[in-house]
Amino acid sequence: MNTQEAIKQYLTKELLSDHKNLNLSVDDNLLIGGLVDSLGIMRLINFIEQNFNIRVPPEDVTIEHFRSIRVIAEYIERRVTTLVAATD
């Protein structure tokens, strides 16, 4: 399962289970559209930290990093790459 699929699966099962007929796209705006609230973002960050072994610093919790599944996946991949480069 790739990063986008993992995020989408988590969102649909854990945070958006009330939206049974929602066809969530990787580019849907999760925040502006009201799909995920601030508590949901905190739960999503916990999921990311647990499943991708990265830390999301408070200054990174922005609309720019968490607006859509695609953007979140890109953020995770950048963080993982940065961590790998730092350990080499």
N, C-alpha and C. Protein backbone atom coordinates (compact mmCIF):
# COMPACT_ATOMS: atom_id res chain seq x y z
N MET A 1 0.86 -1.17 0.00
CA MET A 1 0.00 0.00 0.00
C MET A 1 0.90 1.24 0.00
N ASN A 2 0.64 2.16 -0.91
CA ASN A 2 1.46 3.37 -0.94
C ASN A 2 0.96 4.40 0.07
N THR A 3 1.68 5.48 0.19
CA THR A 3 1.39 6.50 1.21
C THR A 3 0.00 7.09 1.02
N GLN A 4 -0.35 7.46 -0.21
CA GLN A 4 -1.68 8.04 -0.45
C GLN A 4 -2.79 7.07 -0.08
N GLU A 5 -2.63 5.82 -0.45
CA GLU A 5 -3.65 4.81 -0.13
C GLU A 5 -3.79 4.62 1.37
N ALA A 6 -2.68 4.61 2.09
CA ALA A 6 -2.71 4.43 3.55
C ALA A 6 -3.45 5.59 4.21
N ILE A 7 -3.18 6.81 3.76
CA ILE A 7 -3.84 7.99 4.32
C ILE A 7 -5.33 7.95 4.00
N LYS A 8 -5.66 7.65 2.76
CA LYS A 8 -7.07 7.60 2.35
C LYS A 8 -7.83 6.54 3.15
N GLN A 9 -7.22 5.38 3.31
CA GLN A 9 -7.86 4.31 4.08
C GLN A 9 -8.09 4.75 5.52
N TYR A 10 -7.10 5.37 6.14
CA TYR A 10 -7.25 5.84 7.51
C TYR A 10 -8.38 6.87 7.60
N LEU A 11 -8.36 7.84 6.70
CA LEU A 11 -9.38 8.89 6.73
C LEU A 11 -10.78 8.32 6.58
N THR A 12 -10.98 7.45 5.60
CA THR A 12 -12.32 6.94 5.36
C THR A 12 -12.81 6.01 6.47
N LYS A 13 -11.92 5.25 7.07
CA LYS A 13 -12.33 4.33 8.14
C LYS A 13 -12.44 4.99 9.50
N GLU A 14 -11.53 5.90 9.80
CA GLU A 14 -11.45 6.46 11.16
C GLU A 14 -12.07 7.84 11.32
N LEU A 15 -11.94 8.69 10.32
CA LEU A 15 -12.39 10.08 10.48
C LEU A 15 -13.63 10.42 9.67
N LEU A 16 -13.87 9.70 8.61
CA LEU A 16 -14.99 10.05 7.74
C LEU A 16 -16.01 8.92 7.62
N SER A 17 -16.09 8.09 8.63
CA SER A 17 -16.99 6.93 8.57
C SER A 17 -18.46 7.33 8.49
N ASP A 18 -18.79 8.56 8.91
CA ASP A 18 -20.18 9.04 8.81
C ASP A 18 -20.56 9.42 7.39
N HIS A 19 -19.58 9.58 6.52
CA HIS A 19 -19.81 9.98 5.12
C HIS A 19 -19.76 8.73 4.24
N LYS A 20 -20.77 7.89 4.33
CA LYS A 20 -20.79 6.59 3.65
C LYS A 20 -20.66 6.70 2.14
N ASN A 21 -21.29 7.71 1.53
CA ASN A 21 -21.30 7.82 0.07
C ASN A 21 -20.23 8.77 -0.46
N LEU A 22 -19.29 9.14 0.37
CA LEU A 22 -18.24 10.07 -0.03
C LEU A 22 -17.22 9.35 -0.91
N ASN A 23 -17.00 9.91 -2.09
CA ASN A 23 -15.97 9.40 -3.00
C ASN A 23 -14.77 10.33 -2.87
N LEU A 24 -13.91 10.05 -1.93
CA LEU A 24 -12.81 10.92 -1.58
C LEU A 24 -11.69 10.83 -2.61
N SER A 25 -11.33 11.98 -3.17
CA SER A 25 -10.23 12.08 -4.13
C SER A 25 -8.96 12.49 -3.40
N VAL A 26 -7.81 12.17 -3.96
CA VAL A 26 -6.54 12.56 -3.34
C VAL A 26 -6.33 14.07 -3.37
N ASP A 27 -7.12 14.78 -4.18
CA ASP A 27 -6.98 16.23 -4.28
C ASP A 27 -8.10 17.01 -3.57
N ASP A 28 -9.05 16.32 -2.95
CA ASP A 28 -10.11 17.02 -2.21
C ASP A 28 -9.51 17.80 -1.05
N ASN A 29 -9.98 19.04 -0.87
CA ASN A 29 -9.50 19.87 0.23
C ASN A 29 -10.18 19.40 1.51
N LEU A 30 -9.41 18.80 2.38
CA LEU A 30 -9.94 18.21 3.61
C LEU A 30 -10.32 19.26 4.64
N LEU A 31 -9.63 20.38 4.64
CA LEU A 31 -9.82 21.40 5.68
C LEU A 31 -10.87 22.42 5.28
N ILE A 32 -10.72 23.02 4.12
CA ILE A 32 -11.67 24.04 3.67
C ILE A 32 -13.04 23.42 3.46
N GLY A 33 -13.06 22.20 2.97
CA GLY A 33 -14.32 21.50 2.74
C GLY A 33 -14.99 21.03 4.02
N GLY A 34 -14.32 21.17 5.15
CA GLY A 34 -14.89 20.79 6.42
C GLY A 34 -14.93 19.29 6.67
N LEU A 35 -14.21 18.52 5.88
CA LEU A 35 -14.21 17.07 6.07
C LEU A 35 -13.45 16.66 7.33
N VAL A 36 -12.37 17.38 7.62
CA VAL A 36 -11.55 17.06 8.79
C VAL A 36 -11.42 18.31 9.65
N ASP A 37 -11.76 18.20 10.93
CA ASP A 37 -11.65 19.34 11.85
C ASP A 37 -10.31 19.28 12.60
N SER A 38 -10.11 20.18 13.53
CA SER A 38 -8.82 20.26 14.23
C SER A 38 -8.52 18.99 15.03
N LEU A 39 -9.52 18.40 15.65
CA LEU A 39 -9.31 17.14 16.37
C LEU A 39 -8.93 16.03 15.39
N GLY A 40 -9.58 16.03 14.24
CA GLY A 40 -9.26 15.05 13.20
C GLY A 40 -7.83 15.19 12.71
N ILE A 41 -7.36 16.42 12.58
CA ILE A 41 -5.97 16.65 12.16
C ILE A 41 -5.02 16.08 13.21
N MET A 42 -5.33 16.28 14.48
CA MET A 42 -4.46 15.74 15.53
C MET A 42 -4.44 14.21 15.49
N ARG A 43 -5.58 13.60 15.24
CA ARG A 43 -5.64 12.14 15.12
C ARG A 43 -4.85 11.67 13.89
N LEU A 44 -4.97 12.43 12.79
CA LEU A 44 -4.23 12.11 11.58
C LEU A 44 -2.73 12.21 11.81
N ILE A 45 -2.30 13.24 12.51
CA ILE A 45 -0.87 13.41 12.82
C ILE A 45 -0.38 12.23 13.66
N ASN A 46 -1.16 11.81 14.63
CA ASN A 46 -0.80 10.63 15.43
C ASN A 46 -0.64 9.40 14.54
N PHE A 47 -1.58 9.20 13.62
CA PHE A 47 -1.50 8.09 12.67
C PHE A 47 -0.21 8.18 11.84
N ILE A 48 0.09 9.36 11.33
CA ILE A 48 1.29 9.56 10.51
C ILE A 48 2.55 9.24 11.31
N GLU A 49 2.63 9.78 12.52
CA GLU A 49 3.82 9.56 13.34
C GLU A 49 4.00 8.08 13.68
N GLN A 50 2.92 7.39 13.97
CA GLN A 50 2.98 5.98 14.33
C GLN A 50 3.32 5.09 13.13
N ASN A 51 2.74 5.40 11.97
CA ASN A 51 2.86 4.50 10.82
C ASN A 51 4.03 4.81 9.90
N PHE A 52 4.53 6.02 9.93
CA PHE A 52 5.62 6.39 9.04
C PHE A 52 6.91 6.72 9.81
N ASN A 53 6.87 6.55 11.12
CA ASN A 53 8.05 6.75 11.98
C ASN A 53 8.71 8.11 11.77
N ILE A 54 7.89 9.13 11.71
CA ILE A 54 8.39 10.50 11.62
C ILE A 54 7.72 11.33 12.71
N ARG A 55 8.31 12.45 13.01
CA ARG A 55 7.71 13.40 13.94
C ARG A 55 7.22 14.58 13.12
N VAL A 56 6.00 15.03 13.41
CA VAL A 56 5.44 16.21 12.76
C VAL A 56 5.53 17.35 13.75
N PRO A 57 6.48 18.28 13.55
CA PRO A 57 6.61 19.39 14.49
C PRO A 57 5.42 20.34 14.40
N PRO A 58 5.08 21.01 15.49
CA PRO A 58 3.92 21.92 15.50
C PRO A 58 3.94 22.95 14.37
N GLU A 59 5.13 23.44 14.03
CA GLU A 59 5.20 24.47 12.98
C GLU A 59 4.86 23.92 11.59
N ASP A 60 4.84 22.60 11.44
CA ASP A 60 4.47 21.99 10.16
C ASP A 60 2.97 21.71 10.04
N VAL A 61 2.22 21.91 11.10
CA VAL A 61 0.78 21.65 11.07
C VAL A 61 0.10 22.88 10.47
N THR A 62 0.10 22.91 9.13
CA THR A 62 -0.45 24.05 8.39
C THR A 62 -1.34 23.55 7.26
N ILE A 63 -2.14 24.45 6.74
CA ILE A 63 -2.98 24.13 5.58
C ILE A 63 -2.11 23.68 4.42
N GLU A 64 -0.95 24.29 4.27
CA GLU A 64 -0.06 23.95 3.16
C GLU A 64 0.38 22.48 3.21
N HIS A 65 0.48 21.90 4.39
CA HIS A 65 0.94 20.51 4.51
C HIS A 65 -0.20 19.50 4.66
N PHE A 66 -1.41 19.96 4.99
CA PHE A 66 -2.48 19.02 5.33
C PHE A 66 -3.79 19.26 4.58
N ARG A 67 -3.73 19.95 3.45
CA ARG A 67 -4.99 20.28 2.77
C ARG A 67 -5.61 19.13 1.99
N SER A 68 -4.80 18.18 1.52
CA SER A 68 -5.34 17.06 0.74
C SER A 68 -4.49 15.82 0.96
N ILE A 69 -5.01 14.70 0.55
CA ILE A 69 -4.28 13.44 0.69
C ILE A 69 -2.97 13.51 -0.08
N ARG A 70 -3.01 14.05 -1.30
CA ARG A 70 -1.80 14.14 -2.12
C ARG A 70 -0.73 14.99 -1.42
N VAL A 71 -1.14 16.14 -0.89
CA VAL A 71 -0.20 17.05 -0.22
C VAL A 71 0.36 16.42 1.05
N ILE A 72 -0.48 15.73 1.80
CA ILE A 72 -0.02 15.05 3.02
C ILE A 72 1.01 13.98 2.66
N ALA A 73 0.73 13.19 1.63
CA ALA A 73 1.66 12.14 1.21
C ALA A 73 3.00 12.74 0.77
N GLU A 74 2.95 13.84 0.04
CA GLU A 74 4.19 14.51 -0.38
C GLU A 74 4.98 15.01 0.83
N TYR A 75 4.27 15.56 1.81
CA TYR A 75 4.92 16.02 3.04
C TYR A 75 5.62 14.85 3.74
N ILE A 76 4.90 13.74 3.89
CA ILE A 76 5.47 12.56 4.55
C ILE A 76 6.72 12.09 3.81
N GLU A 77 6.64 12.01 2.49
CA GLU A 77 7.78 11.53 1.71
C GLU A 77 8.98 12.46 1.84
N ARG A 78 8.74 13.78 1.91
CA ARG A 78 9.84 14.73 2.13
C ARG A 78 10.47 14.52 3.50
N ARG A 79 9.63 14.35 4.53
CA ARG A 79 10.14 14.15 5.89
C ARG A 79 10.96 12.86 5.98
N VAL A 80 10.45 11.79 5.40
CA VAL A 80 11.17 10.52 5.42
C VAL A 80 12.51 10.65 4.70
N THR A 81 12.51 11.29 3.54
CA THR A 81 13.74 11.49 2.77
C THR A 81 14.75 12.31 3.57
N THR A 82 14.27 13.35 4.25
CA THR A 82 15.15 14.19 5.07
C THR A 82 15.76 13.38 6.20
N LEU A 83 14.96 12.55 6.84
CA LEU A 83 15.47 11.72 7.94
C LEU A 83 16.50 10.70 7.46
N VAL A 84 16.23 10.09 6.31
CA VAL A 84 17.16 9.11 5.76
C VAL A 84 18.48 9.78 5.39
N ALA A 85 18.40 10.96 4.78
CA ALA A 85 19.61 11.69 4.39
C ALA A 85 20.42 12.10 5.62
N ALA A 86 19.73 12.44 6.70
CA ALA A 86 20.41 12.87 7.93
C ALA A 86 21.14 11.71 8.61
N THR A 87 20.69 10.49 8.39
CA THR A 87 21.33 9.34 9.04
C THR A 87 22.44 8.74 8.19
N ASP A 88 22.56 9.17 6.94
CA ASP A 88 23.63 8.64 6.06
C ASP A 88 24.96 9.31 6.32
